[in-house]
C-alpha atoms as a PDB file:
ATOM      1  CA  MET A   1       1.095 -12.368  14.489  1.00  0.00           C
ATOM      2  CA  ARG A   2      -2.384 -13.623  13.645  1.00  0.00           C
ATOM      3  CA  ALA A   3      -3.162 -15.249  10.294  1.00  0.00           C
ATOM      4  CA  ILE A   4      -5.838 -13.388   8.307  1.00  0.00           C
ATOM      5  CA  TRP A   5      -6.365 -16.123   5.692  1.00  0.00           C
ATOM      6  CA  ASN A   6      -5.795 -19.880   5.551  1.00  0.00           C
ATOM      7  CA  GLY A   7      -5.667 -21.723   2.254  1.00  0.00           C
ATOM      8  CA  ALA A   8      -3.239 -22.956  -0.366  1.00  0.00           C
ATOM      9  CA  ILE A   9      -1.180 -21.702  -3.296  1.00  0.00           C
ATOM     10  CA  GLY A  10      -2.154 -23.438  -6.514  1.00  0.00           C
ATOM     11  CA  PHE A  11       1.102 -23.895  -8.435  1.00  0.00           C
ATOM     12  CA  GLY A  12       0.394 -26.017 -11.539  1.00  0.00           C
ATOM     13  CA  LEU A  13      -0.864 -29.310 -10.079  1.00  0.00           C
ATOM     14  CA  VAL A  14       0.934 -28.592  -6.789  1.00  0.00           C
ATOM     15  CA  ASN A  15      -0.997 -27.218  -3.798  1.00  0.00           C
ATOM     16  CA  ILE A  16       1.006 -25.537  -1.035  1.00  0.00           C
ATOM     17  CA  PRO A  17      -0.958 -25.102   2.219  1.00  0.00           C
ATOM     18  CA  ILE A  18      -0.194 -21.621   3.592  1.00  0.00           C
ATOM     19  CA  LYS A  19      -1.257 -18.954   6.087  1.00  0.00           C
ATOM     20  CA  LEU A  20      -1.417 -15.260   5.173  1.00  0.00           C
ATOM     21  CA  TYR A  21      -0.149 -12.575   7.580  1.00  0.00           C
ATOM     22  CA  SER A  22      -0.117  -8.796   7.315  1.00  0.00           C
ATOM     23  CA  ALA A  23       3.471  -7.670   6.596  1.00  0.00           C
ATOM     24  CA  THR A  24       3.071  -4.055   7.753  1.00  0.00           C
ATOM     25  CA  ASP A  25       2.182  -2.023  10.834  1.00  0.00           C
ATOM     26  CA  SER A  26       0.851   1.521  10.883  1.00  0.00           C
ATOM     27  CA  SER A  27       3.461   4.049  12.056  1.00  0.00           C
ATOM     28  CA  THR A  28       0.955   6.820  12.836  1.00  0.00           C
ATOM     29  CA  LEU A  29       0.338   7.977  16.389  1.00  0.00           C
ATOM     30  CA  ASP A  30      -2.832   6.636  17.999  1.00  0.00           C
ATOM     31  CA  LEU A  31      -4.836   9.865  18.371  1.00  0.00           C
ATOM     32  CA  ASP A  32      -8.301   9.789  19.969  1.00  0.00           C
ATOM     33  CA  MET A  33     -11.209  11.953  18.802  1.00  0.00           C
ATOM     34  CA  LEU A  34     -12.475  14.136  21.674  1.00  0.00           C
ATOM     35  CA  ASP A  35     -15.214  16.653  22.367  1.00  0.00           C
ATOM     36  CA  SER A  36     -13.479  20.080  22.541  1.00  0.00           C
ATOM     37  CA  LYS A  37     -15.791  21.146  25.408  1.00  0.00           C
ATOM     38  CA  ASP A  38     -14.852  18.509  28.002  1.00  0.00           C
ATOM     39  CA  LEU A  39     -12.364  16.195  26.189  1.00  0.00           C
ATOM     40  CA  SER A  40     -14.726  13.236  26.399  1.00  0.00           C
ATOM     41  CA  ASN A  41     -14.108  10.423  23.902  1.00  0.00           C
ATOM     42  CA  ILE A  42     -16.232  10.449  20.768  1.00  0.00           C
ATOM     43  CA  ARG A  43     -17.935   7.090  20.192  1.00  0.00           C
ATOM     44  CA  PHE A  44     -19.208   5.895  16.842  1.00  0.00           C
ATOM     45  CA  LYS A  45     -22.400   3.886  16.992  1.00  0.00           C
ATOM     46  CA  ARG A  46     -24.166   1.664  14.479  1.00  0.00           C
ATOM     47  CA  VAL A  47     -27.638   3.174  14.487  1.00  0.00           C
ATOM     48  CA  ASN A  48     -30.858   1.954  12.864  1.00  0.00           C
ATOM     49  CA  GLU A  49     -31.883   4.693  10.413  1.00  0.00           C
ATOM     50  CA  SER A  50     -35.606   4.163  11.108  1.00  0.00           C
ATOM     51  CA  THR A  51     -35.651   3.776  14.905  1.00  0.00           C
ATOM     52  CA  GLY A  52     -32.527   5.718  15.840  1.00  0.00           C
ATOM     53  CA  LYS A  53     -31.558   2.869  18.183  1.00  0.00           C
ATOM     54  CA  GLU A  54     -28.079   1.307  18.345  1.00  0.00           C
ATOM     55  CA  VAL A  55     -27.685  -2.111  16.669  1.00  0.00           C
ATOM     56  CA  VAL A  56     -25.312  -4.783  18.030  1.00  0.00           C
ATOM     57  CA  TRP A  57     -22.869  -6.503  15.646  1.00  0.00           C
ATOM     58  CA  GLU A  58     -24.710  -9.837  15.907  1.00  0.00           C
ATOM     59  CA  ASP A  59     -27.836  -8.289  14.379  1.00  0.00           C
ATOM     60  CA  ILE A  60     -26.098  -6.636  11.408  1.00  0.00           C
ATOM     61  CA  VAL A  61     -26.368  -8.305   7.985  1.00  0.00           C
ATOM     62  CA  LYS A  62     -25.208  -7.292   4.507  1.00  0.00           C
ATOM     63  CA  GLY A  63     -27.549  -6.708   1.603  1.00  0.00           C
ATOM     64  CA  TYR A  64     -27.680  -5.567  -2.021  1.00  0.00           C
ATOM     65  CA  LYS A  65     -30.472  -3.291  -3.219  1.00  0.00           C
ATOM     66  CA  ILE A  66     -32.427  -4.324  -6.330  1.00  0.00           C
ATOM     67  CA  GLU A  67     -35.504  -2.307  -7.352  1.00  0.00           C
ATOM     68  CA  ASP A  68     -35.930  -0.739  -3.875  1.00  0.00           C
ATOM     69  CA  LYS A  69     -35.688  -4.138  -2.203  1.00  0.00           C
ATOM     70  CA  TYR A  70     -32.717  -5.508  -0.250  1.00  0.00           C
ATOM     71  CA  ILE A  71     -31.429  -9.018  -0.945  1.00  0.00           C
ATOM     72  CA  VAL A  72     -29.744 -10.194   2.264  1.00  0.00           C
ATOM     73  CA  LEU A  73     -26.520 -12.219   1.946  1.00  0.00           C
ATOM     74  CA  ASP A  74     -25.001 -14.584   4.512  1.00  0.00           C
ATOM     75  CA  ASP A  75     -21.579 -16.291   4.788  1.00  0.00           C
ATOM     76  CA  LYS A  76     -22.670 -19.237   2.628  1.00  0.00           C
ATOM     77  CA  ASP A  77     -23.661 -16.892  -0.205  1.00  0.00           C
ATOM     78  CA  PHE A  78     -20.212 -15.284  -0.246  1.00  0.00           C
ATOM     79  CA  GLU A  79     -18.498 -18.698  -0.255  1.00  0.00           C
ATOM     80  CA  ALA A  80     -20.781 -19.970  -3.043  1.00  0.00           C
ATOM     81  CA  ALA A  81     -19.757 -17.098  -5.362  1.00  0.00           C
ATOM     82  CA  SER A  82     -16.223 -18.479  -5.924  1.00  0.00           C
ATOM     83  CA  PRO A  83     -15.720 -21.448  -3.581  1.00  0.00           C
ATOM     84  CA  GLU A  84     -12.330 -22.422  -5.039  1.00  0.00           C
ATOM     85  CA  LYS A  85     -10.937 -18.856  -4.721  1.00  0.00           C
ATOM     86  CA  SER A  86     -11.882 -18.638  -1.042  1.00  0.00           C
ATOM     87  CA  LYS A  87      -9.483 -21.531  -0.319  1.00  0.00           C
ATOM     88  CA  VAL A  88      -6.890 -21.485  -3.126  1.00  0.00           C
ATOM     89  CA  LEU A  89      -4.600 -18.670  -4.260  1.00  0.00           C
ATOM     90  CA  SER A  90      -4.164 -19.843  -7.826  1.00  0.00           C
ATOM     91  CA  ILE A  91      -1.098 -18.674  -9.807  1.00  0.00           C
ATOM     92  CA  SER A  92      -2.183 -18.059 -13.411  1.00  0.00           C
ATOM     93  CA  GLN A  93       1.123 -16.832 -14.895  1.00  0.00           C
ATOM     94  CA  PHE A  94       4.708 -15.889 -14.124  1.00  0.00           C
ATOM     95  CA  VAL A  95       6.176 -12.495 -15.029  1.00  0.00           C
ATOM     96  CA  LYS A  96       9.186 -10.262 -14.510  1.00  0.00           C
ATOM     97  CA  GLU A  97       8.336  -7.928 -11.637  1.00  0.00           C
ATOM     98  CA  ALA A  98       9.781  -4.970 -13.572  1.00  0.00           C
ATOM     99  CA  GLU A  99       7.013  -5.428 -16.172  1.00  0.00           C
ATOM    100  CA  ILE A 100       4.358  -4.326 -13.640  1.00  0.00           C
ATOM    101  CA  ASP A 101       3.669  -0.626 -13.091  1.00  0.00           C
ATOM    102  CA  PRO A 102       4.314   0.103  -9.352  1.00  0.00           C
ATOM    103  CA  ALA A 103       1.069   2.150  -9.293  1.00  0.00           C
ATOM    104  CA  LEU A 104      -0.802  -1.171  -9.238  1.00  0.00           C
ATOM    105  CA  PHE A 105       0.830  -2.366  -6.004  1.00  0.00           C
ATOM    106  CA  GLU A 106      -1.024  -2.188  -2.687  1.00  0.00           C
ATOM    107  CA  THR A 107      -0.671  -4.053   0.631  1.00  0.00           C
ATOM    108  CA  PRO A 108       2.089  -6.642   1.283  1.00  0.00           C
ATOM    109  CA  TYR A 109       1.492  -9.920   3.167  1.00  0.00           C
ATOM    110  CA  PHE A 110       3.800 -12.689   4.386  1.00  0.00           C
ATOM    111  CA  LEU A 111       3.128 -16.313   3.491  1.00  0.00           C
ATOM    112  CA  GLU A 112       3.883 -19.099   5.975  1.00  0.00           C
ATOM    113  CA  PRO A 113       3.784 -22.796   4.975  1.00  0.00           C
ATOM    114  CA  GLN A 114       1.422 -25.037   6.892  1.00  0.00           C
ATOM    115  CA  LYS A 115       2.113 -28.655   7.867  1.00  0.00           C
ATOM    116  CA  ASN A 116       3.095 -30.844   4.873  1.00  0.00           C
ATOM    117  CA  GLY A 117       3.623 -27.765   2.707  1.00  0.00           C
ATOM    118  CA  GLU A 118       7.222 -26.944   3.711  1.00  0.00           C
ATOM    119  CA  ALA A 119       8.993 -28.759   0.866  1.00  0.00           C
ATOM    120  CA  ALA A 120       6.781 -27.331  -1.905  1.00  0.00           C
ATOM    121  CA  TYR A 121       7.017 -23.861  -0.294  1.00  0.00           C
ATOM    122  CA  LYS A 122      10.837 -23.961  -0.363  1.00  0.00           C
ATOM    123  CA  LEU A 123      10.772 -25.250  -3.931  1.00  0.00           C
ATOM    124  CA  LEU A 124       8.625 -22.340  -5.164  1.00  0.00           C
ATOM    125  CA  LEU A 125      10.707 -19.826  -3.172  1.00  0.00           C
ATOM    126  CA  LYS A 126      13.985 -21.084  -4.635  1.00  0.00           C
ATOM    127  CA  ALA A 127      12.594 -21.399  -8.172  1.00  0.00           C
ATOM    128  CA  LEU A 128      11.284 -17.804  -8.139  1.00  0.00           C
ATOM    129  CA  THR A 129      14.574 -16.540  -6.691  1.00  0.00           C
ATOM    130  CA  LYS A 130      16.668 -18.324  -9.348  1.00  0.00           C
ATOM    131  CA  THR A 131      14.483 -17.334 -12.306  1.00  0.00           C
ATOM    132  CA  LYS A 132      13.927 -13.791 -10.914  1.00  0.00           C
ATOM    133  CA  MET A 133      10.255 -14.213 -11.699  1.00  0.00           C
ATOM    134  CA  ALA A 134       7.030 -13.557  -9.760  1.00  0.00           C
ATOM    135  CA  GLY A 135       3.630 -15.226  -9.893  1.00  0.00           C
ATOM    136  CA  ILE A 136       0.358 -13.472 -10.685  1.00  0.00           C
ATOM    137  CA  GLY A 137      -2.702 -14.962  -9.025  1.00  0.00           C
ATOM    138  CA  SER A 138      -5.994 -14.237  -7.302  1.00  0.00           C
ATOM    139  CA  PHE A 139      -8.008 -15.334  -4.276  1.00  0.00           C
ATOM    140  CA  VAL A 140     -10.971 -14.162  -2.218  1.00  0.00           C
ATOM    141  CA  LEU A 141     -10.233 -12.239   0.995  1.00  0.00           C
ATOM    142  CA  ARG A 142     -12.949 -10.590   3.095  1.00  0.00           C
ATOM    143  CA  GLU A 143     -15.614 -10.883   0.403  1.00  0.00           C
ATOM    144  CA  ARG A 144     -13.433  -9.401  -2.331  1.00  0.00           C
ATOM    145  CA  GLU A 145     -11.404 -11.020  -5.096  1.00  0.00           C
ATOM    146  CA  ILE A 146      -7.784  -9.985  -4.698  1.00  0.00           C
ATOM    147  CA  LEU A 147      -5.382  -9.718  -7.617  1.00  0.00           C
ATOM    148  CA  CYS A 148      -1.868 -10.343  -6.306  1.00  0.00           C
ATOM    149  CA  LEU A 149       1.808 -10.861  -7.001  1.00  0.00           C
ATOM    150  CA  ILE A 150       3.716 -13.688  -5.278  1.00  0.00           C
ATOM    151  CA  ARG A 151       7.443 -13.069  -4.983  1.00  0.00           C
ATOM    152  CA  PRO A 152      10.467 -13.838  -2.788  1.00  0.00           C
ATOM    153  CA  TYR A 153      11.197 -11.321  -0.034  1.00  0.00           C
ATOM    154  CA  GLU A 154      14.880 -11.044   0.910  1.00  0.00           C
ATOM    155  CA  ASP A 155      15.195 -14.552  -0.621  1.00  0.00           C
ATOM    156  CA  LYS A 156      13.939 -15.989   2.681  1.00  0.00           C
ATOM    157  CA  ILE A 157      10.149 -15.913   2.553  1.00  0.00           C
ATOM    158  CA  LEU A 158       7.311 -15.747   0.041  1.00  0.00           C
ATOM    159  CA  MET A 159       5.432 -12.459  -0.001  1.00  0.00           C
ATOM    160  CA  VAL A 160       2.067 -11.601  -1.526  1.00  0.00           C
ATOM    161  CA  ASN A 161       1.608  -8.066  -2.828  1.00  0.00           C
ATOM    162  CA  ARG A 162      -2.046  -7.128  -3.199  1.00  0.00           C
ATOM    163  CA  MET A 163      -2.604  -5.335  -6.508  1.00  0.00           C
ATOM    164  CA  ARG A 164      -5.141  -2.907  -7.889  1.00  0.00           C
ATOM    165  CA  TYR A 165      -7.127  -3.931 -10.943  1.00  0.00           C
ATOM    166  CA  PRO A 166      -6.392  -1.623 -13.913  1.00  0.00           C
ATOM    167  CA  GLU A 167     -10.004  -0.338 -13.854  1.00  0.00           C
ATOM    168  CA  GLU A 168      -9.405   0.963 -10.303  1.00  0.00           C
ATOM    169  CA  MET A 169      -6.871   3.480 -11.597  1.00  0.00           C
ATOM    170  CA  ARG A 170      -8.461   6.867 -12.235  1.00  0.00           C
ATOM    171  CA  ASP A 171      -8.279   8.585 -15.609  1.00  0.00           C
ATOM    172  CA  PHE A 172      -5.922  11.584 -15.569  1.00  0.00           C
ATOM    173  CA  GLU A 173      -7.099  13.104 -18.869  1.00  0.00           C
ATOM    174  CA  ASP A 174      -8.954  15.918 -17.065  1.00  0.00           C
ATOM    175  CA  LEU A 175      -5.778  17.121 -15.330  1.00  0.00           C
ATOM    176  CA  LYS A 176      -3.783  20.033 -16.724  1.00  0.00           C
ATOM    177  CA  ILE A 177      -0.690  18.224 -18.013  1.00  0.00           C
ATOM    178  CA  PRO A 178       1.682  20.523 -19.987  1.00  0.00           C
ATOM    179  CA  SER A 179       1.667  19.880 -23.724  1.00  0.00           C
ATOM    180  CA  GLY A 180       3.708  22.887 -24.832  1.00  0.00           C
ATOM    181  CA  SER A 181       7.164  23.072 -26.364  1.00  0.00           C
ATOM    182  CA  ALA A 182       9.851  20.562 -25.451  1.00  0.00           C
ATOM    183  CA  PRO A 183      12.552  21.487 -22.875  1.00  0.00           C
ATOM    184  CA  LYS A 184      15.586  23.349 -24.176  1.00  0.00           C
ATOM    185  CA  PRO A 185      18.526  21.005 -24.958  1.00  0.00           C
ATOM    186  CA  ALA A 186      20.799  22.776 -22.448  1.00  0.00           C
ATOM    187  CA  GLU A 187      18.170  22.503 -19.677  1.00  0.00           C
ATOM    188  CA  LEU A 188      17.553  18.827 -20.453  1.00  0.00           C
ATOM    189  CA  LYS A 189      21.292  18.067 -20.398  1.00  0.00           C
ATOM    190  CA  MET A 190      21.718  19.791 -17.043  1.00  0.00           C
ATOM    191  CA  ALA A 191      18.655  18.026 -15.600  1.00  0.00           C
ATOM    192  CA  GLU A 192      20.177  14.687 -16.677  1.00  0.00           C
ATOM    193  CA  GLN A 193      23.460  15.645 -14.971  1.00  0.00           C
ATOM    194  CA  LEU A 194      21.587  16.518 -11.776  1.00  0.00           C
ATOM    195  CA  ILE A 195      19.756  13.174 -11.809  1.00  0.00           C
ATOM    196  CA  LYS A 196      23.023  11.273 -12.367  1.00  0.00           C
ATOM    197  CA  SER A 197      24.761  13.210  -9.585  1.00  0.00           C
ATOM    198  CA  LEU A 198      22.027  12.159  -7.133  1.00  0.00           C
ATOM    199  CA  ALA A 199      21.823   8.554  -8.369  1.00  0.00           C
ATOM    200  CA  THR A 200      22.778   5.902  -5.764  1.00  0.00           C
ATOM    201  CA  GLU A 201      21.770   2.345  -4.918  1.00  0.00           C
ATOM    202  CA  PHE A 202      18.463   2.298  -3.043  1.00  0.00           C
ATOM    203  CA  ASP A 203      18.825   1.642   0.701  1.00  0.00           C
ATOM    204  CA  PRO A 204      15.409   1.654   2.455  1.00  0.00           C
ATOM    205  CA  SER A 205      17.050   1.752   5.907  1.00  0.00           C
ATOM    206  CA  LYS A 206      18.071   5.371   5.246  1.00  0.00           C
ATOM    207  CA  TYR A 207      14.444   6.508   5.260  1.00  0.00           C
ATOM    208  CA  LYS A 208      12.613   7.088   8.542  1.00  0.00           C
ATOM    209  CA  ASP A 209       9.165   8.462   9.375  1.00  0.00           C
ATOM    210  CA  THR A 210      10.266  11.635  11.214  1.00  0.00           C
ATOM    211  CA  TYR A 211       6.853  13.350  11.270  1.00  0.00           C
ATOM    212  CA  ASN A 212       5.490  11.180  14.101  1.00  0.00           C
ATOM    213  CA  ALA A 213       8.627  11.727  16.192  1.00  0.00           C
ATOM    214  CA  ASP A 214       8.350  15.499  15.675  1.00  0.00           C
ATOM    215  CA  LEU A 215       4.639  15.427  16.542  1.00  0.00           C
ATOM    216  CA  LEU A 216       5.368  13.442  19.712  1.00  0.00           C
ATOM    217  CA  LYS A 217       7.904  16.114  20.759  1.00  0.00           C
ATOM    218  CA  ILE A 218       5.182  18.762  20.400  1.00  0.00           C
ATOM    219  CA  ILE A 219       2.756  16.611  22.459  1.00  0.00           C
ATOM    220  CA  LYS A 220       5.336  16.275  25.258  1.00  0.00           C
ATOM    221  CA  GLN A 221       6.077  20.017  25.165  1.00  0.00           C
ATOM    222  CA  LYS A 222       2.368  20.832  25.443  1.00  0.00           C
ATOM    223  CA  ALA A 223       2.067  18.356  28.328  1.00  0.00           C
ATOM    224  CA  LYS A 224       4.678  20.461  30.154  1.00  0.00           C
ATOM    225  CA  GLY A 225       2.665  23.620  29.452  1.00  0.00           C
ATOM    226  CA  LYS A 226       5.047  25.025  26.831  1.00  0.00           C
ATOM    227  CA  LYS A 227       3.763  27.148  23.948  1.00  0.00           C
ATOM    228  CA  ILE A 228       4.436  25.869  20.455  1.00  0.00           C
ATOM    229  CA  LYS A 229       5.991  28.278  17.941  1.00  0.00           C
ATOM    230  CA  LEU A 230       4.896  27.733  14.367  1.00  0.00           C
ATOM    231  CA  THR A 231       7.566  28.150  11.706  1.00  0.00           C
ATOM    232  CA  GLU A 232       5.922  29.635   8.647  1.00  0.00           C
ATOM    233  CA  ILE A 233       6.876  27.868   5.446  1.00  0.00           C
ATOM    234  CA  LYS A 234       5.995  29.545   2.166  1.00  0.00           C
ATOM    235  CA  GLU A 235       4.843  27.400  -0.730  1.00  0.00           C
ATOM    236  CA  PRO A 236       7.685  27.298  -3.292  1.00  0.00           C
ATOM    237  CA  GLU A 237       7.091  28.854  -6.686  1.00  0.00           C
ATOM    238  CA  GLY A 238       8.951  27.617  -9.754  1.00  0.00           C
ATOM    239  CA  LYS A 239       9.401  30.230 -12.462  1.00  0.00           C
ATOM    240  CA  ALA A 240      10.345  29.129 -15.973  1.00  0.00           C
ATOM    241  CA  THR A 241      12.884  31.984 -16.243  1.00  0.00           C
ATOM    242  CA  ASP A 242      14.721  30.671 -13.169  1.00  0.00           C
ATOM    243  CA  LEU A 243      14.900  27.059 -14.385  1.00  0.00           C
ATOM    244  CA  MET A 244      18.468  27.111 -15.736  1.00  0.00           C
ATOM    245  CA  ALA A 245      19.768  29.024 -12.720  1.00  0.00           C
ATOM    246  CA  MET A 246      18.065  26.589 -10.310  1.00  0.00           C
ATOM    247  CA  LEU A 247      19.554  23.578 -12.130  1.00  0.00           C
ATOM    248  CA  LYS A 248      23.050  25.088 -11.941  1.00  0.00           C
ATOM    249  CA  ALA A 249      22.637  25.920  -8.257  1.00  0.00           C
ATOM    250  CA  SER A 250      21.381  22.380  -7.565  1.00  0.00           C
ATOM    251  CA  LEU A 251      24.429  20.859  -9.280  1.00  0.00           C
ATOM    252  CA  GLU A 252      26.814  23.129  -7.353  1.00  0.00           C
ATOM    253  CA  LYS A 253      25.111  22.262  -4.073  1.00  0.00           C
ATOM    254  CA  GLY A 254      25.491  18.555  -4.859  1.00  0.00           C
ATOM    255  CA  LYS A 255      29.209  18.981  -5.647  1.00  0.00           C
ATOM    256  CA  LYS A 256      29.813  20.793  -2.321  1.00  0.00           C
ATOM    257  CA  LYS A 257      28.121  17.943  -0.413  1.00  0.00           C
ATOM    258  CA  VAL A 258      30.311  15.359  -2.152  1.00  0.00           C
ATOM    259  CA  GLY A 259      33.384  17.474  -1.553  1.00  0.00           C
END
């Protein structure tokens, strides 16, 4: 694993030197983009809009347009914007994780203590585990200020969960959300029974990404020259008149599985 950020956690007057590592890997198949005519690889080039010529990475800079004029920024400019946040992940408050809407959560990262930071790292890990609290903080990563949650992961390591800022959440007011009459008491009671019948303790190990495995089977079949048969699946339609019957059938199906 390669660290993507080096710095420190600011915990009151305590600084904990840490390294930040990505905690996830993509599970999607590595598919190449090809030209359908001869299956040649498609290459994406960075091209100068005026000359049409390719530009090497070393010659590319970043700029912000003001009144039809670009202001070019370099590494020192980005560091000068918030110098302390580029080196310190400062915890501003502690909260119960359940108080945060899961919609705000993004990418998870692992935190590793650097030399001389082991004792303070263990202290924060144990304190968060015992109090069942999490820290809210921010730092600068790749020229962007990151809002994040610091929490124990499996009580063995500190994890940072990148978070969305509330203003990044889209407004749903334009969507057609039903505002009609309330559900019938009998339907609501049966829906509650169905939910309770399916309620179990969450075990993430039960869930696997099966789509990629199925796609790989198709790839191997095509490699052997076999034709792929497509199973037609119709989009389900839920009719209000069938609601009670569907709830009853769902409950019966659940009882048979348990039995």
